[in-house]
Amino acid sequence: MGGVQAAMEEEQTLRIEGIVSGAVGEIMDESGLKPSIVIRSGEPAKVVREYVGERTEVAALVLGAAPAGSPGPLVAHFTGNDAGKVPCPIMIIPGSLSEERLEQLS
């Protein structure tokens, strides 16, 4: 059973790396920076808080807000009670931004 779980996790990691690479490929090409992809299990807000607390090289926590309705659980959490407890700036990217506008801003 452990082998099946490991294979599923590896497949998921490769899928996520492909999605991230496609989404930030142009930024990586222009800046020469490569994002690190970390996959951890657990309660999402707690895992993110622990990760940015452990890593001094994290310059900012960038979160995407949903284009309508609730902004999403991580955005709600990190702009609520934990907003002042994160050891780096928090940036919220509105989900309603067009790709063109996002490119202008970046």
PDB file of N, CA and C in Angstrom:
ATOM      1  N   MET A   1       0.826  -1.198   0.000  1.00  0.00           N
ATOM      2  CA  MET A   1       0.000   0.000   0.000  1.00  0.00           C
ATOM      3  C   MET A   1       0.868   1.260   0.000  1.00  0.00           C
ATOM      4  N   GLY A   2       1.997   1.222   0.712  1.00  0.00           N
ATOM      5  CA  GLY A   2       2.888   2.377   0.764  1.00  0.00           C
ATOM      6  C   GLY A   2       3.469   2.721  -0.591  1.00  0.00           C
ATOM      7  N   GLY A   3       3.746   1.684  -1.416  1.00  0.00           N
ATOM      8  CA  GLY A   3       4.275   1.917  -2.757  1.00  0.00           C
ATOM      9  C   GLY A   3       3.277   2.635  -3.638  1.00  0.00           C
ATOM     10  N   VAL A   4       2.009   2.280  -3.508  1.00  0.00           N
ATOM     11  CA  VAL A   4       0.953   2.936  -4.286  1.00  0.00           C
ATOM     12  C   VAL A   4       0.833   4.392  -3.868  1.00  0.00           C
ATOM     13  N   GLN A   5       0.876   4.649  -2.561  1.00  0.00           N
ATOM     14  CA  GLN A   5       0.791   6.025  -2.051  1.00  0.00           C
ATOM     15  C   GLN A   5       1.963   6.850  -2.559  1.00  0.00           C
ATOM     16  N   ALA A   6       3.173   6.278  -2.516  1.00  0.00           N
ATOM     17  CA  ALA A   6       4.360   6.993  -2.989  1.00  0.00           C
ATOM     18  C   ALA A   6       4.248   7.297  -4.479  1.00  0.00           C
ATOM     19  N   ALA A   7       3.745   6.349  -5.261  1.00  0.00           N
ATOM     20  CA  ALA A   7       3.580   6.568  -6.699  1.00  0.00           C
ATOM     21  C   ALA A   7       2.553   7.666  -6.971  1.00  0.00           C
ATOM     22  N   MET A   8       1.469   7.674  -6.199  1.00  0.00           N
ATOM     23  CA  MET A   8       0.447   8.712  -6.365  1.00  0.00           C
ATOM     24  C   MET A   8       1.007  10.076  -6.011  1.00  0.00           C
ATOM     25  N   GLU A   9       1.791  10.155  -4.937  1.00  0.00           N
ATOM     26  CA  GLU A   9       2.378  11.425  -4.531  1.00  0.00           C
ATOM     27  C   GLU A   9       3.370  11.923  -5.579  1.00  0.00           C
ATOM     28  N   GLU A  10       4.167  11.029  -6.138  1.00  0.00           N
ATOM     29  CA  GLU A  10       5.123  11.399  -7.183  1.00  0.00           C
ATOM     30  C   GLU A  10       4.397  11.912  -8.418  1.00  0.00           C
ATOM     31  N   GLU A  11       3.324  11.246  -8.803  1.00  0.00           N
ATOM     32  CA  GLU A  11       2.539  11.679  -9.963  1.00  0.00           C
ATOM     33  C   GLU A  11       1.937  13.062  -9.711  1.00  0.00           C
ATOM     34  N   GLN A  12       1.422  13.268  -8.514  1.00  0.00           N
ATOM     35  CA  GLN A  12       0.849  14.565  -8.169  1.00  0.00           C
ATOM     36  C   GLN A  12       1.924  15.654  -8.174  1.00  0.00           C
ATOM     37  N   THR A  13       3.099  15.350  -7.654  1.00  0.00           N
ATOM     38  CA  THR A  13       4.203  16.311  -7.649  1.00  0.00           C
ATOM     39  C   THR A  13       4.579  16.712  -9.072  1.00  0.00           C
ATOM     40  N   LEU A  14       4.702  15.741  -9.959  1.00  0.00           N
ATOM     41  CA  LEU A  14       5.048  16.040 -11.351  1.00  0.00           C
ATOM     42  C   LEU A  14       3.971  16.881 -12.026  1.00  0.00           C
ATOM     43  N   ARG A  15       2.705  16.586 -11.739  1.00  0.00           N
ATOM     44  CA  ARG A  15       1.606  17.356 -12.316  1.00  0.00           C
ATOM     45  C   ARG A  15       1.652  18.800 -11.821  1.00  0.00           C
ATOM     46  N   ILE A  16       1.873  18.982 -10.531  1.00  0.00           N
ATOM     47  CA  ILE A  16       1.932  20.329  -9.957  1.00  0.00           C
ATOM     48  C   ILE A  16       3.128  21.097 -10.514  1.00  0.00           C
ATOM     49  N   GLU A  17       4.280  20.441 -10.619  1.00  0.00           N
ATOM     50  CA  GLU A  17       5.459  21.102 -11.180  1.00  0.00           C
ATOM     51  C   GLU A  17       5.201  21.557 -12.614  1.00  0.00           C
ATOM     52  N   GLY A  18       4.485  20.745 -13.384  1.00  0.00           N
ATOM     53  CA  GLY A  18       4.150  21.120 -14.753  1.00  0.00           C
ATOM     54  C   GLY A  18       3.239  22.333 -14.803  1.00  0.00           C
ATOM     55  N   ILE A  19       2.256  22.368 -13.936  1.00  0.00           N
ATOM     56  CA  ILE A  19       1.323  23.503 -13.888  1.00  0.00           C
ATOM     57  C   ILE A  19       2.072  24.773 -13.488  1.00  0.00           C
ATOM     58  N   VAL A  20       2.896  24.694 -12.449  1.00  0.00           N
ATOM     59  CA  VAL A  20       3.640  25.870 -11.983  1.00  0.00           C
ATOM     60  C   VAL A  20       4.612  26.338 -13.057  1.00  0.00           C
ATOM     61  N   SER A  21       5.324  25.418 -13.672  1.00  0.00           N
ATOM     62  CA  SER A  21       6.283  25.797 -14.712  1.00  0.00           C
ATOM     63  C   SER A  21       5.596  26.498 -15.870  1.00  0.00           C
ATOM     64  N   GLY A  22       4.429  25.991 -16.261  1.00  0.00           N
ATOM     65  CA  GLY A  22       3.689  26.637 -17.341  1.00  0.00           C
ATOM     66  C   GLY A  22       3.200  28.018 -16.957  1.00  0.00           C
ATOM     67  N   ALA A  23       2.769  28.168 -15.718  1.00  0.00           N
ATOM     68  CA  ALA A  23       2.219  29.441 -15.270  1.00  0.00           C
ATOM     69  C   ALA A  23       3.281  30.505 -15.084  1.00  0.00           C
ATOM     70  N   VAL A  24       4.463  30.113 -14.670  1.00  0.00           N
ATOM     71  CA  VAL A  24       5.498  31.109 -14.387  1.00  0.00           C
ATOM     72  C   VAL A  24       6.681  31.015 -15.339  1.00  0.00           C
ATOM     73  N   GLY A  25       6.512  30.265 -16.416  1.00  0.00           N
ATOM     74  CA  GLY A  25       7.601  30.070 -17.362  1.00  0.00           C
ATOM     75  C   GLY A  25       8.201  31.358 -17.875  1.00  0.00           C
ATOM     76  N   GLU A  26       7.366  32.294 -18.271  1.00  0.00           N
ATOM     77  CA  GLU A  26       7.865  33.565 -18.807  1.00  0.00           C
ATOM     78  C   GLU A  26       8.616  34.358 -17.742  1.00  0.00           C
ATOM     79  N   ILE A  27       8.096  34.368 -16.538  1.00  0.00           N
ATOM     80  CA  ILE A  27       8.765  35.083 -15.446  1.00  0.00           C
ATOM     81  C   ILE A  27      10.119  34.441 -15.176  1.00  0.00           C
ATOM     82  N   MET A  28      10.163  33.111 -15.193  1.00  0.00           N
ATOM     83  CA  MET A  28      11.426  32.412 -14.968  1.00  0.00           C
ATOM     84  C   MET A  28      12.423  32.746 -16.066  1.00  0.00           C
ATOM     85  N   ASP A  29      11.944  32.783 -17.311  1.00  0.00           N
ATOM     86  CA  ASP A  29      12.832  33.096 -18.430  1.00  0.00           C
ATOM     87  C   ASP A  29      13.400  34.505 -18.306  1.00  0.00           C
ATOM     88  N   GLU A  30      12.563  35.464 -17.939  1.00  0.00           N
ATOM     89  CA  GLU A  30      12.994  36.860 -17.854  1.00  0.00           C
ATOM     90  C   GLU A  30      13.877  37.131 -16.645  1.00  0.00           C
ATOM     91  N   SER A  31      13.570  36.520 -15.522  1.00  0.00           N
ATOM     92  CA  SER A  31      14.282  36.842 -14.287  1.00  0.00           C
ATOM     93  C   SER A  31      15.424  35.879 -13.969  1.00  0.00           C
ATOM     94  N   GLY A  32      15.354  34.689 -14.512  1.00  0.00           N
ATOM     95  CA  GLY A  32      16.348  33.686 -14.168  1.00  0.00           C
ATOM     96  C   GLY A  32      16.074  33.003 -12.844  1.00  0.00           C
ATOM     97  N   LEU A  33      14.970  33.373 -12.197  1.00  0.00           N
ATOM     98  CA  LEU A  33      14.602  32.759 -10.921  1.00  0.00           C
ATOM     99  C   LEU A  33      13.791  31.500 -11.170  1.00  0.00           C
ATOM    100  N   LYS A  34      13.937  30.543 -10.287  1.00  0.00           N
ATOM    101  CA  LYS A  34      13.163  29.318 -10.390  1.00  0.00           C
ATOM    102  C   LYS A  34      12.400  29.128  -9.084  1.00  0.00           C
ATOM    103  N   PRO A  35      11.084  28.994  -9.158  1.00  0.00           N
ATOM    104  CA  PRO A  35      10.328  28.796  -7.918  1.00  0.00           C
ATOM    105  C   PRO A  35      10.630  27.424  -7.332  1.00  0.00           C
ATOM    106  N   SER A  36      10.559  27.345  -6.027  1.00  0.00           N
ATOM    107  CA  SER A  36      10.697  26.031  -5.404  1.00  0.00           C
ATOM    108  C   SER A  36       9.288  25.511  -5.153  1.00  0.00           C
ATOM    109  N   ILE A  37       9.115  24.260  -5.391  1.00  0.00           N
ATOM    110  CA  ILE A  37       7.814  23.630  -5.209  1.00  0.00           C
ATOM    111  C   ILE A  37       7.929  22.700  -4.013  1.00  0.00           C
ATOM    112  N   VAL A  38       7.112  22.959  -3.010  1.00  0.00           N
ATOM    113  CA  VAL A  38       7.130  22.167  -1.796  1.00  0.00           C
ATOM    114  C   VAL A  38       5.731  21.622  -1.574  1.00  0.00           C
ATOM    115  N   ILE A  39       5.644  20.335  -1.370  1.00  0.00           N
ATOM    116  CA  ILE A  39       4.342  19.719  -1.127  1.00  0.00           C
ATOM    117  C   ILE A  39       4.376  19.123   0.268  1.00  0.00           C
ATOM    118  N   ARG A  40       3.444  19.578   1.088  1.00  0.00           N
ATOM    119  CA  ARG A  40       3.337  19.083   2.458  1.00  0.00           C
ATOM    120  C   ARG A  40       1.880  18.755   2.743  1.00  0.00           C
ATOM    121  N   SER A  41       1.679  17.797   3.595  1.00  0.00           N
ATOM    122  CA  SER A  41       0.328  17.413   4.005  1.00  0.00           C
ATOM    123  C   SER A  41      -0.027  18.141   5.293  1.00  0.00           C
ATOM    124  N   GLY A  42      -1.311  18.350   5.483  1.00  0.00           N
ATOM    125  CA  GLY A  42      -1.777  18.948   6.718  1.00  0.00           C
ATOM    126  C   GLY A  42      -2.781  20.050   6.469  1.00  0.00           C
ATOM    127  N   GLU A  43      -3.105  20.754   7.530  1.00  0.00           N
ATOM    128  CA  GLU A  43      -4.053  21.861   7.451  1.00  0.00           C
ATOM    129  C   GLU A  43      -3.355  23.000   6.702  1.00  0.00           C
ATOM    130  N   PRO A  44      -3.899  23.446   5.560  1.00  0.00           N
ATOM    131  CA  PRO A  44      -3.185  24.374   4.674  1.00  0.00           C
ATOM    132  C   PRO A  44      -2.632  25.633   5.340  1.00  0.00           C
ATOM    133  N   ALA A  45      -3.433  26.354   6.102  1.00  0.00           N
ATOM    134  CA  ALA A  45      -2.948  27.602   6.706  1.00  0.00           C
ATOM    135  C   ALA A  45      -1.794  27.326   7.665  1.00  0.00           C
ATOM    136  N   LYS A  46      -1.891  26.272   8.446  1.00  0.00           N
ATOM    137  CA  LYS A  46      -0.828  25.926   9.391  1.00  0.00           C
ATOM    138  C   LYS A  46       0.452  25.546   8.640  1.00  0.00           C
ATOM    139  N   VAL A  47       0.324  24.762   7.574  1.00  0.00           N
ATOM    140  CA  VAL A  47       1.485  24.339   6.798  1.00  0.00           C
ATOM    141  C   VAL A  47       2.181  25.550   6.168  1.00  0.00           C
ATOM    142  N   VAL A  48       1.405  26.459   5.597  1.00  0.00           N
ATOM    143  CA  VAL A  48       1.992  27.655   4.973  1.00  0.00           C
ATOM    144  C   VAL A  48       2.664  28.519   6.030  1.00  0.00           C
ATOM    145  N   ARG A  49       1.996  28.743   7.150  1.00  0.00           N
ATOM    146  CA  ARG A  49       2.565  29.561   8.230  1.00  0.00           C
ATOM    147  C   ARG A  49       3.886  28.967   8.715  1.00  0.00           C
ATOM    148  N   GLU A  50       3.932  27.642   8.921  1.00  0.00           N
ATOM    149  CA  GLU A  50       5.162  26.992   9.362  1.00  0.00           C
ATOM    150  C   GLU A  50       6.266  27.125   8.308  1.00  0.00           C
ATOM    151  N   TYR A  51       5.899  26.943   7.057  1.00  0.00           N
ATOM    152  CA  TYR A  51       6.895  27.009   5.983  1.00  0.00           C
ATOM    153  C   TYR A  51       7.542  28.395   5.904  1.00  0.00           C
ATOM    154  N   VAL A  52       6.734  29.446   5.863  1.00  0.00           N
ATOM    155  CA  VAL A  52       7.327  30.783   5.754  1.00  0.00           C
ATOM    156  C   VAL A  52       8.059  31.163   7.039  1.00  0.00           C
ATOM    157  N   GLY A  53       7.667  30.581   8.156  1.00  0.00           N
ATOM    158  CA  GLY A  53       8.373  30.832   9.412  1.00  0.00           C
ATOM    159  C   GLY A  53       9.734  30.164   9.468  1.00  0.00           C
ATOM    160  N   GLU A  54       9.884  29.046   8.754  1.00  0.00           N
ATOM    161  CA  GLU A  54      11.146  28.299   8.742  1.00  0.00           C
ATOM    162  C   GLU A  54      12.141  28.837   7.719  1.00  0.00           C
ATOM    163  N   ARG A  55      11.675  29.579   6.731  1.00  0.00           N
ATOM    164  CA  ARG A  55      12.506  29.953   5.590  1.00  0.00           C
ATOM    165  C   ARG A  55      12.721  31.462   5.545  1.00  0.00           C
ATOM    166  N   THR A  56      13.923  31.907   5.842  1.00  0.00           N
ATOM    167  CA  THR A  56      14.212  33.338   5.784  1.00  0.00           C
ATOM    168  C   THR A  56      14.314  33.839   4.346  1.00  0.00           C
ATOM    169  N   GLU A  57      14.506  32.925   3.387  1.00  0.00           N
ATOM    170  CA  GLU A  57      14.621  33.341   1.989  1.00  0.00           C
ATOM    171  C   GLU A  57      13.268  33.648   1.332  1.00  0.00           C
ATOM    172  N   VAL A  58      12.163  33.375   2.020  1.00  0.00           N
ATOM    173  CA  VAL A  58      10.847  33.700   1.461  1.00  0.00           C
ATOM    174  C   VAL A  58      10.661  35.206   1.541  1.00  0.00           C
ATOM    175  N   ALA A  59      10.596  35.851   0.369  1.00  0.00           N
ATOM    176  CA  ALA A  59      10.483  37.309   0.310  1.00  0.00           C
ATOM    177  C   ALA A  59       9.061  37.788   0.503  1.00  0.00           C
ATOM    178  N   ALA A  60       8.079  36.975   0.092  1.00  0.00           N
ATOM    179  CA  ALA A  60       6.676  37.373   0.205  1.00  0.00           C
ATOM    180  C   ALA A  60       5.795  36.141   0.068  1.00  0.00           C
ATOM    181  N   LEU A  61       4.639  36.206   0.679  1.00  0.00           N
ATOM    182  CA  LEU A  61       3.614  35.184   0.515  1.00  0.00           C
ATOM    183  C   LEU A  61       2.622  35.746  -0.486  1.00  0.00           C
ATOM    184  N   VAL A  62       2.547  35.139  -1.661  1.00  0.00           N
ATOM    185  CA  VAL A  62       1.665  35.613  -2.723  1.00  0.00           C
ATOM    186  C   VAL A  62       0.498  34.654  -2.826  1.00  0.00           C
ATOM    187  N   LEU A  63      -0.704  35.189  -2.622  1.00  0.00           N
ATOM    188  CA  LEU A  63      -1.919  34.385  -2.656  1.00  0.00           C
ATOM    189  C   LEU A  63      -2.856  34.903  -3.738  1.00  0.00           C
ATOM    190  N   GLY A  64      -3.571  34.020  -4.370  1.00  0.00           N
ATOM    191  CA  GLY A  64      -4.568  34.405  -5.363  1.00  0.00           C
ATOM    192  C   GLY A  64      -5.951  34.359  -4.752  1.00  0.00           C
ATOM    193  N   ALA A  65      -6.697  35.443  -4.889  1.00  0.00           N
ATOM    194  CA  ALA A  65      -8.070  35.505  -4.384  1.00  0.00           C
ATOM    195  C   ALA A  65      -9.027  35.064  -5.478  1.00  0.00           C
ATOM    196  N   ALA A  66     -10.085  34.415  -5.073  1.00  0.00           N
ATOM    197  CA  ALA A  66     -11.112  33.986  -6.027  1.00  0.00           C
ATOM    198  C   ALA A  66     -11.717  35.208  -6.703  1.00  0.00           C
ATOM    199  N   PRO A  67     -12.123  35.087  -7.970  1.00  0.00           N
ATOM    200  CA  PRO A  67     -12.668  36.239  -8.691  1.00  0.00           C
ATOM    201  C   PRO A  67     -14.024  36.720  -8.183  1.00  0.00           C
ATOM    202  N   ALA A  68     -14.732  35.874  -7.454  1.00  0.00           N
ATOM    203  CA  ALA A  68     -16.046  36.275  -6.925  1.00  0.00           C
ATOM    204  C   ALA A  68     -16.315  35.491  -5.646  1.00  0.00           C
ATOM    205  N   GLY A  69     -17.175  36.028  -4.812  1.00  0.00           N
ATOM    206  CA  GLY A  69     -17.531  35.354  -3.572  1.00  0.00           C
ATOM    207  C   GLY A  69     -16.413  35.413  -2.559  1.00  0.00           C
ATOM    208  N   SER A  70     -16.343  34.396  -1.733  1.00  0.00           N
ATOM    209  CA  SER A  70     -15.303  34.319  -0.722  1.00  0.00           C
ATOM    210  C   SER A  70     -13.935  34.298  -1.398  1.00  0.00           C
ATOM    211  N   PRO A  71     -12.946  35.007  -0.837  1.00  0.00           N
ATOM    212  CA  PRO A  71     -11.636  35.066  -1.491  1.00  0.00           C
ATOM    213  C   PRO A  71     -10.888  33.736  -1.461  1.00  0.00           C
ATOM    214  N   GLY A  72     -11.301  32.832  -0.605  1.00  0.00           N
ATOM    215  CA  GLY A  72     -10.633  31.551  -0.447  1.00  0.00           C
ATOM    216  C   GLY A  72     -10.117  31.414   0.970  1.00  0.00           C
ATOM    217  N   PRO A  73      -9.932  30.190   1.437  1.00  0.00           N
ATOM    218  CA  PRO A  73      -9.572  29.990   2.841  1.00  0.00           C
ATOM    219  C   PRO A  73      -8.200  30.535   3.227  1.00  0.00           C
ATOM    220  N   LEU A  74      -7.208  30.435   2.365  1.00  0.00           N
ATOM    221  CA  LEU A  74      -5.886  30.963   2.732  1.00  0.00           C
ATOM    222  C   LEU A  74      -5.880  32.483   2.760  1.00  0.00           C
ATOM    223  N   VAL A  75      -6.522  33.103   1.784  1.00  0.00           N
ATOM    224  CA  VAL A  75      -6.594  34.571   1.774  1.00  0.00           C
ATOM    225  C   VAL A  75      -7.344  35.049   3.012  1.00  0.00           C
ATOM    226  N   ALA A  76      -8.470  34.421   3.312  1.00  0.00           N
ATOM    227  CA  ALA A  76      -9.243  34.816   4.494  1.00  0.00           C
ATOM    228  C   ALA A  76      -8.417  34.646   5.766  1.00  0.00           C
ATOM    229  N   HIS A  77      -7.697  33.555   5.865  1.00  0.00           N
ATOM    230  CA  HIS A  77      -6.905  33.297   7.066  1.00  0.00           C
ATOM    231  C   HIS A  77      -5.770  34.316   7.229  1.00  0.00           C
ATOM    232  N   PHE A  78      -4.996  34.515   6.158  1.00  0.00           N
ATOM    233  CA  PHE A  78      -3.806  35.364   6.286  1.00  0.00           C
ATOM    234  C   PHE A  78      -4.106  36.854   6.218  1.00  0.00           C
ATOM    235  N   THR A  79      -5.319  37.235   5.926  1.00  0.00           N
ATOM    236  CA  THR A  79      -5.692  38.646   6.020  1.00  0.00           C
ATOM    237  C   THR A  79      -6.541  38.896   7.261  1.00  0.00           C
ATOM    238  N   GLY A  80      -6.786  37.850   8.027  1.00  0.00           N
ATOM    239  CA  GLY A  80      -7.546  37.946   9.265  1.00  0.00           C
ATOM    240  C   GLY A  80      -6.618  38.013  10.462  1.00  0.00           C
ATOM    241  N   ASN A  81      -6.840  37.137  11.406  1.00  0.00           N
ATOM    242  CA  ASN A  81      -6.093  37.153  12.669  1.00  0.00           C
ATOM    243  C   ASN A  81      -4.593  36.957  12.508  1.00  0.00           C
ATOM    244  N   ASP A  82      -4.157  36.248  11.475  1.00  0.00           N
ATOM    245  CA  ASP A  82      -2.730  35.982  11.310  1.00  0.00           C
ATOM    246  C   ASP A  82      -2.016  37.016  10.447  1.00  0.00           C
ATOM    247  N   ALA A  83      -2.698  38.055  10.004  1.00  0.00           N
ATOM    248  CA  ALA A  83      -2.088  39.030   9.090  1.00  0.00           C
ATOM    249  C   ALA A  83      -0.823  39.654   9.669  1.00  0.00           C
ATOM    250  N   GLY A  84      -0.805  39.947  10.919  1.00  0.00           N
ATOM    251  CA  GLY A  84       0.356  40.587  11.528  1.00  0.00           C
ATOM    252  C   GLY A  84       1.391  39.631  12.076  1.00  0.00           C
ATOM    253  N   LYS A  85       1.158  38.338  11.926  1.00  0.00           N
ATOM    254  CA  LYS A  85       2.059  37.340  12.508  1.00  0.00           C
ATOM    255  C   LYS A  85       2.968  36.670  11.486  1.00  0.00           C
ATOM    256  N   VAL A  86       2.782  36.962  10.220  1.00  0.00           N
ATOM    257  CA  VAL A  86       3.575  36.333   9.169  1.00  0.00           C
ATOM    258  C   VAL A  86       4.892  37.101   9.043  1.00  0.00           C
ATOM    259  N   PRO A  87       6.032  36.398   8.918  1.00  0.00           N
ATOM    260  CA  PRO A  87       7.331  37.072   8.903  1.00  0.00           C
ATOM    261  C   PRO A  87       7.742  37.664   7.551  1.00  0.00           C
ATOM    262  N   CYS A  88       6.784  37.834   6.645  1.00  0.00           N
ATOM    263  CA  CYS A  88       7.080  38.423   5.336  1.00  0.00           C
ATOM    264  C   CYS A  88       5.817  39.142   4.846  1.00  0.00           C
ATOM    265  N   PRO A  89       5.967  40.005   3.843  1.00  0.00           N
ATOM    266  CA  PRO A  89       4.785  40.673   3.291  1.00  0.00           C
ATOM    267  C   PRO A  89       3.833  39.661   2.650  1.00  0.00           C
ATOM    268  N   ILE A  90       2.553  40.000   2.662  1.00  0.00           N
ATOM    269  CA  ILE A  90       1.529  39.179   2.019  1.00  0.00           C
ATOM    270  C   ILE A  90       0.982  39.965   0.840  1.00  0.00           C
ATOM    271  N   MET A  91       0.976  39.347  -0.328  1.00  0.00           N
ATOM    272  CA  MET A  91       0.429  39.974  -1.535  1.00  0.00           C
ATOM    273  C   MET A  91      -0.788  39.179  -1.987  1.00  0.00           C
ATOM    274  N   ILE A  92      -1.864  39.890  -2.282  1.00  0.00           N
ATOM    275  CA  ILE A  92      -3.094  39.248  -2.742  1.00  0.00           C
ATOM    276  C   ILE A  92      -3.295  39.614  -4.210  1.00  0.00           C
ATOM    277  N   ILE A  93      -3.393  38.619  -5.068  1.00  0.00           N
ATOM    278  CA  ILE A  93      -3.629  38.827  -6.491  1.00  0.00           C
ATOM    279  C   ILE A  93      -5.104  38.575  -6.754  1.00  0.00           C
ATOM    280  N   PRO A  94      -5.852  39.594  -7.174  1.00  0.00           N
ATOM    281  CA  PRO A  94      -7.281  39.402  -7.444  1.00  0.00           C
ATOM    282  C   PRO A  94      -7.498  38.416  -8.594  1.00  0.00           C
ATOM    283  N   GLY A  95      -8.395  37.485  -8.401  1.00  0.00           N
ATOM    284  CA  GLY A  95      -8.687  36.495  -9.426  1.00  0.00           C
ATOM    285  C   GLY A  95      -9.337  37.067 -10.670  1.00  0.00           C
ATOM    286  N   SER A  96      -9.848  38.270 -10.573  1.00  0.00           N
ATOM    287  CA  SER A  96     -10.519  38.887 -11.721  1.00  0.00           C
ATOM    288  C   SER A  96      -9.562  39.619 -12.658  1.00  0.00           C
ATOM    289  N   LEU A  97      -8.266  39.697 -12.306  1.00  0.00           N
ATOM    290  CA  LEU A  97      -7.311  40.375 -13.182  1.00  0.00           C
ATOM    291  C   LEU A  97      -7.127  39.594 -14.477  1.00  0.00           C
ATOM    292  N   SER A  98      -7.114  40.314 -15.578  1.00  0.00           N
ATOM    293  CA  SER A  98      -6.835  39.660 -16.860  1.00  0.00           C
ATOM    294  C   SER A  98      -5.339  39.370 -16.940  1.00  0.00           C
ATOM    295  N   GLU A  99      -4.961  38.460 -17.825  1.00  0.00           N
ATOM    296  CA  GLU A  99      -3.540  38.160 -17.998  1.00  0.00           C
ATOM    297  C   GLU A  99      -2.781  39.395 -18.451  1.00  0.00           C
ATOM    298  N   GLU A 100      -3.405  40.207 -19.297  1.00  0.00           N
ATOM    299  CA  GLU A 100      -2.756  41.420 -19.784  1.00  0.00           C
ATOM    300  C   GLU A 100      -2.480  42.389 -18.629  1.00  0.00           C
ATOM    301  N   ARG A 101      -3.461  42.578 -17.774  1.00  0.00           N
ATOM    302  CA  ARG A 101      -3.296  43.496 -16.635  1.00  0.00           C
ATOM    303  C   ARG A 101      -2.261  42.966 -15.652  1.00  0.00           C
ATOM    304  N   LEU A 102      -2.266  41.673 -15.450  1.00  0.00           N
ATOM    305  CA  LEU A 102      -1.294  41.064 -14.561  1.00  0.00           C
ATOM    306  C   LEU A 102       0.125  41.260 -15.114  1.00  0.00           C
ATOM    307  N   GLU A 103       0.292  41.114 -16.400  1.00  0.00           N
ATOM    308  CA  GLU A 103       1.588  41.353 -17.026  1.00  0.00           C
ATOM    309  C   GLU A 103       2.017  42.811 -16.866  1.00  0.00           C
ATOM    310  N   GLN A 104       1.064  43.752 -17.015  1.00  0.00           N
ATOM    311  CA  GLN A 104       1.397  45.167 -16.834  1.00  0.00           C
ATOM    312  C   GLN A 104       1.903  45.432 -15.429  1.00  0.00           C
ATOM    313  N   LEU A 105       1.287  44.809 -14.446  1.00  0.00           N
ATOM    314  CA  LEU A 105       1.650  45.037 -13.061  1.00  0.00           C
ATOM    315  C   LEU A 105       2.959  44.365 -12.686  1.00  0.00           C
ATOM    316  N   SER A 106       3.291  43.288 -13.352  1.00  0.00           N
ATOM    317  CA  SER A 106       4.515  42.581 -12.995  1.00  0.00           C
ATOM    318  C   SER A 106       5.668  43.080 -13.815  1.00  0.00           C
TER     319      SER A 106
END
